[in-house]
Amino acid sequence: MTDGFFTRALRHPLFAAGLILVGAVSLAAILAPVLAPCDPVSLNVGHMLEAPGLSHPFGTDALGRDVLSRMLYGARVSLWVGFLAVGISISIGVFFGLVAGYFGGMIDEIIMRGVDVMLCFPSFFLILAVLAFLPPSLANIMIVIGLTSWMGVARLVRAETLSLKNRDFVLAARLVGAKTPRILLRHILPNAAAPVLVAATLGVGGAILTESALSFLGLGVQPPAASWGNMLLEGKEVLSIAPWLSVFPGMAILLTVLGYNLIGESLRDLLDPRLRR
């Protein structure tokens, strides 16, 4: 069954295109120390704002740093934030969704009203408000993004749990004396995993966008460390004379987020029989 699914996935044009984009960015991030032609934080005042050329394929910034090298190391930051922030949000959302859907009653009401309250606040402004009281660091960004983006996953998992908890295989597990944690983790969660996988894939792209926006506003990764967001911020100051400082990081964000969105949308088609073509 697994082989059949991956074969179908690779034949899906959106999945294949997304996989190529995500694979290329991931490979570049992993091989950054090998591919980077220069130290990403090394200053060279004799080569400030050089246009793209043979020695610097993506040009240099206002401090003479190689843009390609900074982009390669910035890819590591973006992917790291995306994966860990989504890991936190998925873990929290799955836990509350399973508990709310399985136990129902007052527990369900308390959890879902809490979700409703969280959804009343625009997520980006909530993140800004929290980060205003914390020192800017990569760890804080990942934790805050994860803690403010789990509500949609909780709703998805709750809905799946409500439809699964009275199925025959769950009732049979109860009859043989299976404990509640085992029923949730071994019987309900695997059958509710499809929408969670789609949400996680789409969430990585969203987390990368959020981190880039925070770094652009000066609340994310701090210089001299490289991040696509703070590279856009630096490029904004010299956009008219050095457009490559903004174009290349912007294209990297666009293609990476597009890749994850294409994978997420194609997985939604492949995992939901009602949407298969």
C-alpha atoms as a PDB file:
ATOM      1  CA  MET A   1       0.000   0.000   0.000  1.00  0.00           C
ATOM      2  CA  THR A   2       2.838   2.386   0.881  1.00  0.00           C
ATOM      3  CA  ASP A   3       4.626   1.702  -2.390  1.00  0.00           C
ATOM      4  CA  GLY A   4       1.392   2.308  -4.270  1.00  0.00           C
ATOM      5  CA  PHE A   5       0.811   5.618  -2.501  1.00  0.00           C
ATOM      6  CA  PHE A   6       4.312   6.932  -3.209  1.00  0.00           C
ATOM      7  CA  THR A   7       4.052   5.814  -6.824  1.00  0.00           C
ATOM      8  CA  ARG A   8       0.783   7.714  -7.174  1.00  0.00           C
ATOM      9  CA  ALA A   9       2.278  10.723  -5.386  1.00  0.00           C
ATOM     10  CA  LEU A  10       5.270  10.911  -7.695  1.00  0.00           C
ATOM     11  CA  ARG A  11       2.937  10.801 -10.698  1.00  0.00           C
ATOM     12  CA  HIS A  12       0.978  13.755  -9.319  1.00  0.00           C
ATOM     13  CA  PRO A  13       2.377  16.854 -11.103  1.00  0.00           C
ATOM     14  CA  LEU A  14       1.887  19.199  -8.124  1.00  0.00           C
ATOM     15  CA  PHE A  15       3.560  16.781  -5.715  1.00  0.00           C
ATOM     16  CA  ALA A  16       6.489  16.222  -8.082  1.00  0.00           C
ATOM     17  CA  ALA A  17       6.988  19.962  -8.597  1.00  0.00           C
ATOM     18  CA  GLY A  18       6.783  20.677  -4.868  1.00  0.00           C
ATOM     19  CA  LEU A  19       9.161  17.836  -4.068  1.00  0.00           C
ATOM     20  CA  ILE A  20      11.731  19.202  -6.520  1.00  0.00           C
ATOM     21  CA  LEU A  21      11.551  22.696  -5.000  1.00  0.00           C
ATOM     22  CA  VAL A  22      11.656  21.497  -1.391  1.00  0.00           C
ATOM     23  CA  GLY A  23      14.360  18.938  -2.161  1.00  0.00           C
ATOM     24  CA  ALA A  24      16.573  21.547  -3.825  1.00  0.00           C
ATOM     25  CA  VAL A  25      16.257  24.006  -0.925  1.00  0.00           C
ATOM     26  CA  SER A  26      16.817  21.266   1.674  1.00  0.00           C
ATOM     27  CA  LEU A  27      19.874  19.948  -0.143  1.00  0.00           C
ATOM     28  CA  ALA A  28      21.303  23.463  -0.426  1.00  0.00           C
ATOM     29  CA  ALA A  29      20.775  24.009   3.307  1.00  0.00           C
ATOM     30  CA  ILE A  30      22.419  20.703   4.240  1.00  0.00           C
ATOM     31  CA  LEU A  31      25.403  21.330   1.961  1.00  0.00           C
ATOM     32  CA  ALA A  32      25.740  25.031   2.864  1.00  0.00           C
ATOM     33  CA  PRO A  33      29.281  24.643   4.299  1.00  0.00           C
ATOM     34  CA  VAL A  34      30.356  22.964   1.058  1.00  0.00           C
ATOM     35  CA  LEU A  35      28.457  25.138  -1.431  1.00  0.00           C
ATOM     36  CA  ALA A  36      29.004  28.544   0.196  1.00  0.00           C
ATOM     37  CA  PRO A  37      31.897  30.312  -1.568  1.00  0.00           C
ATOM     38  CA  CYS A  38      32.602  32.603   1.412  1.00  0.00           C
ATOM     39  CA  ASP A  39      32.070  32.986   5.132  1.00  0.00           C
ATOM     40  CA  PRO A  40      28.502  34.364   5.440  1.00  0.00           C
ATOM     41  CA  VAL A  41      29.482  36.893   8.123  1.00  0.00           C
ATOM     42  CA  SER A  42      32.905  37.866   6.779  1.00  0.00           C
ATOM     43  CA  LEU A  43      33.133  41.599   5.991  1.00  0.00           C
ATOM     44  CA  ASN A  44      34.928  42.869   2.909  1.00  0.00           C
ATOM     45  CA  VAL A  45      34.664  46.655   2.600  1.00  0.00           C
ATOM     46  CA  GLY A  46      36.548  46.558  -0.704  1.00  0.00           C
ATOM     47  CA  HIS A  47      33.683  44.683  -2.374  1.00  0.00           C
ATOM     48  CA  MET A  48      30.606  46.492  -1.095  1.00  0.00           C
ATOM     49  CA  LEU A  49      27.440  46.281  -3.215  1.00  0.00           C
ATOM     50  CA  GLU A  50      29.074  44.378  -6.055  1.00  0.00           C
ATOM     51  CA  ALA A  51      26.650  43.263  -8.745  1.00  0.00           C
ATOM     52  CA  PRO A  52      26.300  39.520  -9.424  1.00  0.00           C
ATOM     53  CA  GLY A  53      29.351  38.191 -11.252  1.00  0.00           C
ATOM     54  CA  LEU A  54      31.805  35.314 -11.421  1.00  0.00           C
ATOM     55  CA  SER A  55      33.404  35.947  -8.040  1.00  0.00           C
ATOM     56  CA  HIS A  56      30.054  36.587  -6.313  1.00  0.00           C
ATOM     57  CA  PRO A  57      27.217  34.894  -8.272  1.00  0.00           C
ATOM     58  CA  PHE A  58      24.500  36.681  -6.260  1.00  0.00           C
ATOM     59  CA  GLY A  59      26.505  39.852  -5.604  1.00  0.00           C
ATOM     60  CA  THR A  60      27.503  41.329  -2.241  1.00  0.00           C
ATOM     61  CA  ASP A  61      25.683  43.416   0.347  1.00  0.00           C
ATOM     62  CA  ALA A  62      26.438  46.829   1.860  1.00  0.00           C
ATOM     63  CA  LEU A  63      29.145  45.294   4.075  1.00  0.00           C
ATOM     64  CA  GLY A  64      30.793  43.286   1.310  1.00  0.00           C
ATOM     65  CA  ARG A  65      29.356  39.936   2.453  1.00  0.00           C
ATOM     66  CA  ASP A  66      28.620  37.324  -0.190  1.00  0.00           C
ATOM     67  CA  VAL A  67      24.849  37.126  -0.772  1.00  0.00           C
ATOM     68  CA  LEU A  68      24.883  33.513  -2.018  1.00  0.00           C
ATOM     69  CA  SER A  69      26.672  32.318   1.122  1.00  0.00           C
ATOM     70  CA  ARG A  70      24.235  34.173   3.355  1.00  0.00           C
ATOM     71  CA  MET A  71      21.278  32.744   1.464  1.00  0.00           C
ATOM     72  CA  LEU A  72      22.557  29.185   1.842  1.00  0.00           C
ATOM     73  CA  TYR A  73      22.969  29.597   5.594  1.00  0.00           C
ATOM     74  CA  GLY A  74      19.668  31.492   5.772  1.00  0.00           C
ATOM     75  CA  ALA A  75      17.971  28.419   4.272  1.00  0.00           C
ATOM     76  CA  ARG A  76      19.075  26.472   7.332  1.00  0.00           C
ATOM     77  CA  VAL A  77      17.424  29.005   9.619  1.00  0.00           C
ATOM     78  CA  SER A  78      14.159  29.041   7.671  1.00  0.00           C
ATOM     79  CA  LEU A  79      13.840  25.252   7.457  1.00  0.00           C
ATOM     80  CA  TRP A  80      14.841  24.789  11.098  1.00  0.00           C
ATOM     81  CA  VAL A  81      12.182  27.253  12.224  1.00  0.00           C
ATOM     82  CA  GLY A  82       9.593  25.691   9.913  1.00  0.00           C
ATOM     83  CA  PHE A  83      10.111  22.123  11.089  1.00  0.00           C
ATOM     84  CA  LEU A  84      10.419  22.775  14.818  1.00  0.00           C
ATOM     85  CA  ALA A  85       7.596  25.324  15.004  1.00  0.00           C
ATOM     86  CA  VAL A  86       5.284  22.953  13.142  1.00  0.00           C
ATOM     87  CA  GLY A  87       6.411  20.074  15.346  1.00  0.00           C
ATOM     88  CA  ILE A  88       5.375  22.047  18.431  1.00  0.00           C
ATOM     89  CA  SER A  89       2.026  23.132  16.956  1.00  0.00           C
ATOM     90  CA  ILE A  90       1.182  19.634  15.681  1.00  0.00           C
ATOM     91  CA  SER A  91       2.007  18.047  19.042  1.00  0.00           C
ATOM     92  CA  ILE A  92      -0.197  20.481  20.962  1.00  0.00           C
ATOM     93  CA  GLY A  93      -3.014  20.382  18.412  1.00  0.00           C
ATOM     94  CA  VAL A  94      -3.080  16.576  18.243  1.00  0.00           C
ATOM     95  CA  PHE A  95      -3.137  16.263  22.039  1.00  0.00           C
ATOM     96  CA  PHE A  96      -6.009  18.684  22.582  1.00  0.00           C
ATOM     97  CA  GLY A  97      -7.905  17.435  19.535  1.00  0.00           C
ATOM     98  CA  LEU A  98      -7.752  13.816  20.680  1.00  0.00           C
ATOM     99  CA  VAL A  99      -8.753  14.656  24.243  1.00  0.00           C
ATOM    100  CA  ALA A 100     -11.623  16.940  23.208  1.00  0.00           C
ATOM    101  CA  GLY A 101     -13.025  14.574  20.603  1.00  0.00           C
ATOM    102  CA  TYR A 102     -12.712  11.369  22.611  1.00  0.00           C
ATOM    103  CA  PHE A 103     -13.967  12.503  26.029  1.00  0.00           C
ATOM    104  CA  GLY A 104     -16.510  15.076  24.848  1.00  0.00           C
ATOM    105  CA  GLY A 105     -18.783  16.779  27.360  1.00  0.00           C
ATOM    106  CA  MET A 106     -17.343  19.497  29.575  1.00  0.00           C
ATOM    107  CA  ILE A 107     -13.754  18.686  28.582  1.00  0.00           C
ATOM    108  CA  ASP A 108     -14.628  19.224  24.927  1.00  0.00           C
ATOM    109  CA  GLU A 109     -16.417  22.479  25.717  1.00  0.00           C
ATOM    110  CA  ILE A 110     -13.511  23.897  27.730  1.00  0.00           C
ATOM    111  CA  ILE A 111     -10.894  23.001  25.126  1.00  0.00           C
ATOM    112  CA  MET A 112     -12.875  24.209  22.125  1.00  0.00           C
ATOM    113  CA  ARG A 113     -13.886  27.474  23.789  1.00  0.00           C
ATOM    114  CA  GLY A 114     -10.205  28.018  24.502  1.00  0.00           C
ATOM    115  CA  VAL A 115      -9.513  27.405  20.816  1.00  0.00           C
ATOM    116  CA  ASP A 116     -12.208  29.922  19.897  1.00  0.00           C
ATOM    117  CA  VAL A 117     -10.634  32.535  22.172  1.00  0.00           C
ATOM    118  CA  MET A 118      -7.198  31.943  20.625  1.00  0.00           C
ATOM    119  CA  LEU A 119      -8.649  32.278  17.133  1.00  0.00           C
ATOM    120  CA  CYS A 120     -10.119  35.677  18.018  1.00  0.00           C
ATOM    121  CA  PHE A 121      -6.628  37.171  17.945  1.00  0.00           C
ATOM    122  CA  PRO A 122      -4.846  37.632  14.587  1.00  0.00           C
ATOM    123  CA  SER A 123      -2.003  35.139  14.890  1.00  0.00           C
ATOM    124  CA  PHE A 124       0.746  37.411  13.570  1.00  0.00           C
ATOM    125  CA  PHE A 125      -0.132  40.252  15.938  1.00  0.00           C
ATOM    126  CA  LEU A 126      -0.345  37.771  18.796  1.00  0.00           C
ATOM    127  CA  ILE A 127       3.176  36.606  17.945  1.00  0.00           C
ATOM    128  CA  LEU A 128       4.367  40.232  17.825  1.00  0.00           C
ATOM    129  CA  ALA A 129       2.808  40.942  21.206  1.00  0.00           C
ATOM    130  CA  VAL A 130       4.486  37.925  22.821  1.00  0.00           C
ATOM    131  CA  LEU A 131       7.890  38.563  21.237  1.00  0.00           C
ATOM    132  CA  ALA A 132       7.795  42.167  22.447  1.00  0.00           C
ATOM    133  CA  PHE A 133       8.376  40.820  25.968  1.00  0.00           C
ATOM    134  CA  LEU A 134      11.058  38.288  24.993  1.00  0.00           C
ATOM    135  CA  PRO A 135      14.630  38.750  23.796  1.00  0.00           C
ATOM    136  CA  PRO A 136      14.866  38.090  20.033  1.00  0.00           C
ATOM    137  CA  SER A 137      16.326  34.633  19.450  1.00  0.00           C
ATOM    138  CA  LEU A 138      15.771  31.696  17.130  1.00  0.00           C
ATOM    139  CA  ALA A 139      14.523  29.478  19.967  1.00  0.00           C
ATOM    140  CA  ASN A 140      11.943  32.037  21.072  1.00  0.00           C
ATOM    141  CA  ILE A 141      10.686  32.454  17.502  1.00  0.00           C
ATOM    142  CA  MET A 142      10.185  28.706  17.051  1.00  0.00           C
ATOM    143  CA  ILE A 143       8.430  28.294  20.399  1.00  0.00           C
ATOM    144  CA  VAL A 144       6.137  31.297  19.969  1.00  0.00           C
ATOM    145  CA  ILE A 145       5.126  30.342  16.414  1.00  0.00           C
ATOM    146  CA  GLY A 146       4.407  26.794  17.570  1.00  0.00           C
ATOM    147  CA  LEU A 147       2.401  27.909  20.603  1.00  0.00           C
ATOM    148  CA  THR A 148       0.202  30.242  18.544  1.00  0.00           C
ATOM    149  CA  SER A 149      -0.585  28.017  15.542  1.00  0.00           C
ATOM    150  CA  TRP A 150      -2.004  24.750  16.930  1.00  0.00           C
ATOM    151  CA  MET A 151      -5.711  25.638  16.930  1.00  0.00           C
ATOM    152  CA  GLY A 152      -6.490  24.537  13.373  1.00  0.00           C
ATOM    153  CA  VAL A 153      -4.848  21.159  13.967  1.00  0.00           C
ATOM    154  CA  ALA A 154      -6.849  20.691  17.171  1.00  0.00           C
ATOM    155  CA  ARG A 155     -10.093  21.279  15.275  1.00  0.00           C
ATOM    156  CA  LEU A 156      -9.118  18.835  12.532  1.00  0.00           C
ATOM    157  CA  VAL A 157      -8.134  16.092  14.963  1.00  0.00           C
ATOM    158  CA  ARG A 158     -11.228  16.640  17.105  1.00  0.00           C
ATOM    159  CA  ALA A 159     -13.495  16.251  14.069  1.00  0.00           C
ATOM    160  CA  GLU A 160     -11.734  13.046  13.008  1.00  0.00           C
ATOM    161  CA  THR A 161     -11.836  11.679  16.553  1.00  0.00           C
ATOM    162  CA  LEU A 162     -15.565  12.326  16.842  1.00  0.00           C
ATOM    163  CA  SER A 163     -16.161  10.264  13.701  1.00  0.00           C
ATOM    164  CA  LEU A 164     -13.811   7.451  14.728  1.00  0.00           C
ATOM    165  CA  LYS A 165     -14.473   6.894  18.423  1.00  0.00           C
ATOM    166  CA  ASN A 166     -17.693   4.938  17.838  1.00  0.00           C
ATOM    167  CA  ARG A 167     -16.345   2.796  14.993  1.00  0.00           C
ATOM    168  CA  ASP A 168     -16.308  -0.980  15.420  1.00  0.00           C
ATOM    169  CA  PHE A 169     -12.522  -1.284  15.790  1.00  0.00           C
ATOM    170  CA  VAL A 170     -12.523   1.257  18.653  1.00  0.00           C
ATOM    171  CA  LEU A 171     -15.456  -0.441  20.375  1.00  0.00           C
ATOM    172  CA  ALA A 172     -13.676  -3.789  20.022  1.00  0.00           C
ATOM    173  CA  ALA A 173     -10.539  -2.328  21.627  1.00  0.00           C
ATOM    174  CA  ARG A 174     -12.617  -1.138  24.581  1.00  0.00           C
ATOM    175  CA  LEU A 175     -14.239  -4.559  24.946  1.00  0.00           C
ATOM    176  CA  VAL A 176     -10.881  -6.316  25.226  1.00  0.00           C
ATOM    177  CA  GLY A 177      -9.832  -3.870  27.966  1.00  0.00           C
ATOM    178  CA  ALA A 178      -7.505  -1.552  26.075  1.00  0.00           C
ATOM    179  CA  LYS A 179      -6.562   1.535  28.077  1.00  0.00           C
ATOM    180  CA  THR A 180      -7.556   4.984  26.854  1.00  0.00           C
ATOM    181  CA  PRO A 181      -3.997   6.085  25.897  1.00  0.00           C
ATOM    182  CA  ARG A 182      -3.584   2.938  23.808  1.00  0.00           C
ATOM    183  CA  ILE A 183      -6.923   3.480  22.057  1.00  0.00           C
ATOM    184  CA  LEU A 184      -6.024   7.090  21.272  1.00  0.00           C
ATOM    185  CA  LEU A 185      -2.476   6.419  20.094  1.00  0.00           C
ATOM    186  CA  ARG A 186      -2.804   3.015  18.427  1.00  0.00           C
ATOM    187  CA  HIS A 187      -6.321   3.087  16.984  1.00  0.00           C
ATOM    188  CA  ILE A 188      -7.622   6.642  16.570  1.00  0.00           C
ATOM    189  CA  LEU A 189      -4.510   8.714  15.839  1.00  0.00           C
ATOM    190  CA  PRO A 190      -3.231   6.601  12.896  1.00  0.00           C
ATOM    191  CA  ASN A 191      -6.650   6.845  11.252  1.00  0.00           C
ATOM    192  CA  ALA A 192      -6.738  10.609  11.798  1.00  0.00           C
ATOM    193  CA  ALA A 193      -3.210  11.173  10.497  1.00  0.00           C
ATOM    194  CA  ALA A 194      -4.084  12.168   6.911  1.00  0.00           C
ATOM    195  CA  PRO A 195      -5.408  15.695   7.623  1.00  0.00           C
ATOM    196  CA  VAL A 196      -2.644  16.204  10.191  1.00  0.00           C
ATOM    197  CA  LEU A 197      -0.010  15.416   7.556  1.00  0.00           C
ATOM    198  CA  VAL A 198      -1.561  17.918   5.159  1.00  0.00           C
ATOM    199  CA  ALA A 199      -1.776  20.580   7.882  1.00  0.00           C
ATOM    200  CA  ALA A 200       1.848  19.969   8.887  1.00  0.00           C
ATOM    201  CA  THR A 201       3.107  20.329   5.323  1.00  0.00           C
ATOM    202  CA  LEU A 202       1.199  23.557   4.760  1.00  0.00           C
ATOM    203  CA  GLY A 203       2.249  24.757   8.213  1.00  0.00           C
ATOM    204  CA  VAL A 204       5.964  24.590   7.362  1.00  0.00           C
ATOM    205  CA  GLY A 205       5.464  27.130   4.591  1.00  0.00           C
ATOM    206  CA  GLY A 206       3.443  29.343   6.907  1.00  0.00           C
ATOM    207  CA  ALA A 207       6.101  29.188   9.628  1.00  0.00           C
ATOM    208  CA  ILE A 208       8.825  30.128   7.135  1.00  0.00           C
ATOM    209  CA  LEU A 209       6.784  33.148   6.031  1.00  0.00           C
ATOM    210  CA  THR A 210       6.175  34.178   9.642  1.00  0.00           C
ATOM    211  CA  GLU A 211       9.865  33.909  10.555  1.00  0.00           C
ATOM    212  CA  SER A 212      10.828  35.927   7.485  1.00  0.00           C
ATOM    213  CA  ALA A 213       8.302  38.629   8.368  1.00  0.00           C
ATOM    214  CA  LEU A 214       9.530  38.793  11.966  1.00  0.00           C
ATOM    215  CA  SER A 215      13.160  39.027  10.854  1.00  0.00           C
ATOM    216  CA  PHE A 216      12.195  41.740   8.350  1.00  0.00           C
ATOM    217  CA  LEU A 217      10.658  43.706  11.229  1.00  0.00           C
ATOM    218  CA  GLY A 218      13.801  43.224  13.333  1.00  0.00           C
ATOM    219  CA  LEU A 219      12.175  40.834  15.839  1.00  0.00           C
ATOM    220  CA  GLY A 220      13.567  37.617  14.407  1.00  0.00           C
ATOM    221  CA  VAL A 221      17.080  36.386  13.723  1.00  0.00           C
ATOM    222  CA  GLN A 222      19.519  39.143  14.636  1.00  0.00           C
ATOM    223  CA  PRO A 223      22.506  40.267  12.533  1.00  0.00           C
ATOM    224  CA  PRO A 224      25.139  39.233  11.732  1.00  0.00           C
ATOM    225  CA  ALA A 225      23.434  35.807  11.509  1.00  0.00           C
ATOM    226  CA  ALA A 226      21.900  35.265   8.079  1.00  0.00           C
ATOM    227  CA  SER A 227      18.156  34.941   7.588  1.00  0.00           C
ATOM    228  CA  TRP A 228      16.131  35.518   4.447  1.00  0.00           C
ATOM    229  CA  GLY A 229      13.983  37.989   6.363  1.00  0.00           C
ATOM    230  CA  ASN A 230      16.818  40.169   7.656  1.00  0.00           C
ATOM    231  CA  MET A 231      18.445  40.024   4.212  1.00  0.00           C
ATOM    232  CA  LEU A 232      15.258  41.570   2.816  1.00  0.00           C
ATOM    233  CA  LEU A 233      15.466  44.240   5.509  1.00  0.00           C
ATOM    234  CA  GLU A 234      19.058  45.064   4.543  1.00  0.00           C
ATOM    235  CA  GLY A 235      18.160  45.104   0.850  1.00  0.00           C
ATOM    236  CA  LYS A 236      15.273  47.530   1.416  1.00  0.00           C
ATOM    237  CA  GLU A 237      17.710  50.327   2.255  1.00  0.00           C
ATOM    238  CA  VAL A 238      19.519  50.084  -1.111  1.00  0.00           C
ATOM    239  CA  LEU A 239      16.739  48.715  -3.302  1.00  0.00           C
ATOM    240  CA  SER A 240      17.214  51.310  -6.055  1.00  0.00           C
ATOM    241  CA  ILE A 241      20.941  50.678  -6.511  1.00  0.00           C
ATOM    242  CA  ALA A 242      21.292  47.003  -5.461  1.00  0.00           C
ATOM    243  CA  PRO A 243      18.024  45.196  -6.224  1.00  0.00           C
ATOM    244  CA  TRP A 244      19.708  41.776  -6.030  1.00  0.00           C
ATOM    245  CA  LEU A 245      19.831  42.089  -2.246  1.00  0.00           C
ATOM    246  CA  SER A 246      16.042  41.811  -2.151  1.00  0.00           C
ATOM    247  CA  VAL A 247      15.298  39.801  -5.303  1.00  0.00           C
ATOM    248  CA  PHE A 248      17.275  36.671  -4.417  1.00  0.00           C
ATOM    249  CA  PRO A 249      16.053  36.239  -0.807  1.00  0.00           C
ATOM    250  CA  GLY A 250      12.516  37.076  -1.919  1.00  0.00           C
ATOM    251  CA  MET A 251      12.633  34.421  -4.639  1.00  0.00           C
ATOM    252  CA  ALA A 252      14.019  31.900  -2.149  1.00  0.00           C
ATOM    253  CA  ILE A 253      11.088  32.522   0.227  1.00  0.00           C
ATOM    254  CA  LEU A 254       8.600  32.372  -2.651  1.00  0.00           C
ATOM    255  CA  LEU A 255       9.893  29.086  -4.095  1.00  0.00           C
ATOM    256  CA  THR A 256      10.279  27.376  -0.710  1.00  0.00           C
ATOM    257  CA  VAL A 257       6.793  28.270   0.501  1.00  0.00           C
ATOM    258  CA  LEU A 258       5.363  27.400  -2.926  1.00  0.00           C
ATOM    259  CA  GLY A 259       7.041  23.983  -2.754  1.00  0.00           C
ATOM    260  CA  TYR A 260       5.511  23.124   0.614  1.00  0.00           C
ATOM    261  CA  ASN A 261       2.100  24.422  -0.461  1.00  0.00           C
ATOM    262  CA  LEU A 262       2.190  22.308  -3.629  1.00  0.00           C
ATOM    263  CA  ILE A 263       3.059  19.209  -1.594  1.00  0.00           C
ATOM    264  CA  GLY A 264       0.315  19.955   0.922  1.00  0.00           C
ATOM    265  CA  GLU A 265      -2.349  20.517  -1.727  1.00  0.00           C
ATOM    266  CA  SER A 266      -1.374  17.368  -3.625  1.00  0.00           C
ATOM    267  CA  LEU A 267      -1.386  15.304  -0.421  1.00  0.00           C
ATOM    268  CA  ARG A 268      -4.901  16.580   0.260  1.00  0.00           C
ATOM    269  CA  ASP A 269      -5.957  15.239  -3.155  1.00  0.00           C
ATOM    270  CA  LEU A 270      -4.117  11.943  -2.723  1.00  0.00           C
ATOM    271  CA  LEU A 271      -5.255  11.174   0.841  1.00  0.00           C
ATOM    272  CA  ASP A 272      -8.902  12.170   0.476  1.00  0.00           C
ATOM    273  CA  PRO A 273     -10.717   9.726  -1.825  1.00  0.00           C
ATOM    274  CA  ARG A 274     -13.440  12.311  -2.469  1.00  0.00           C
ATOM    275  CA  LEU A 275     -10.872  14.664  -4.045  1.00  0.00           C
ATOM    276  CA  ARG A 276      -8.974  12.138  -6.142  1.00  0.00           C
ATOM    277  CA  ARG A 277      -9.146  12.703  -9.832  1.00  0.00           C
END
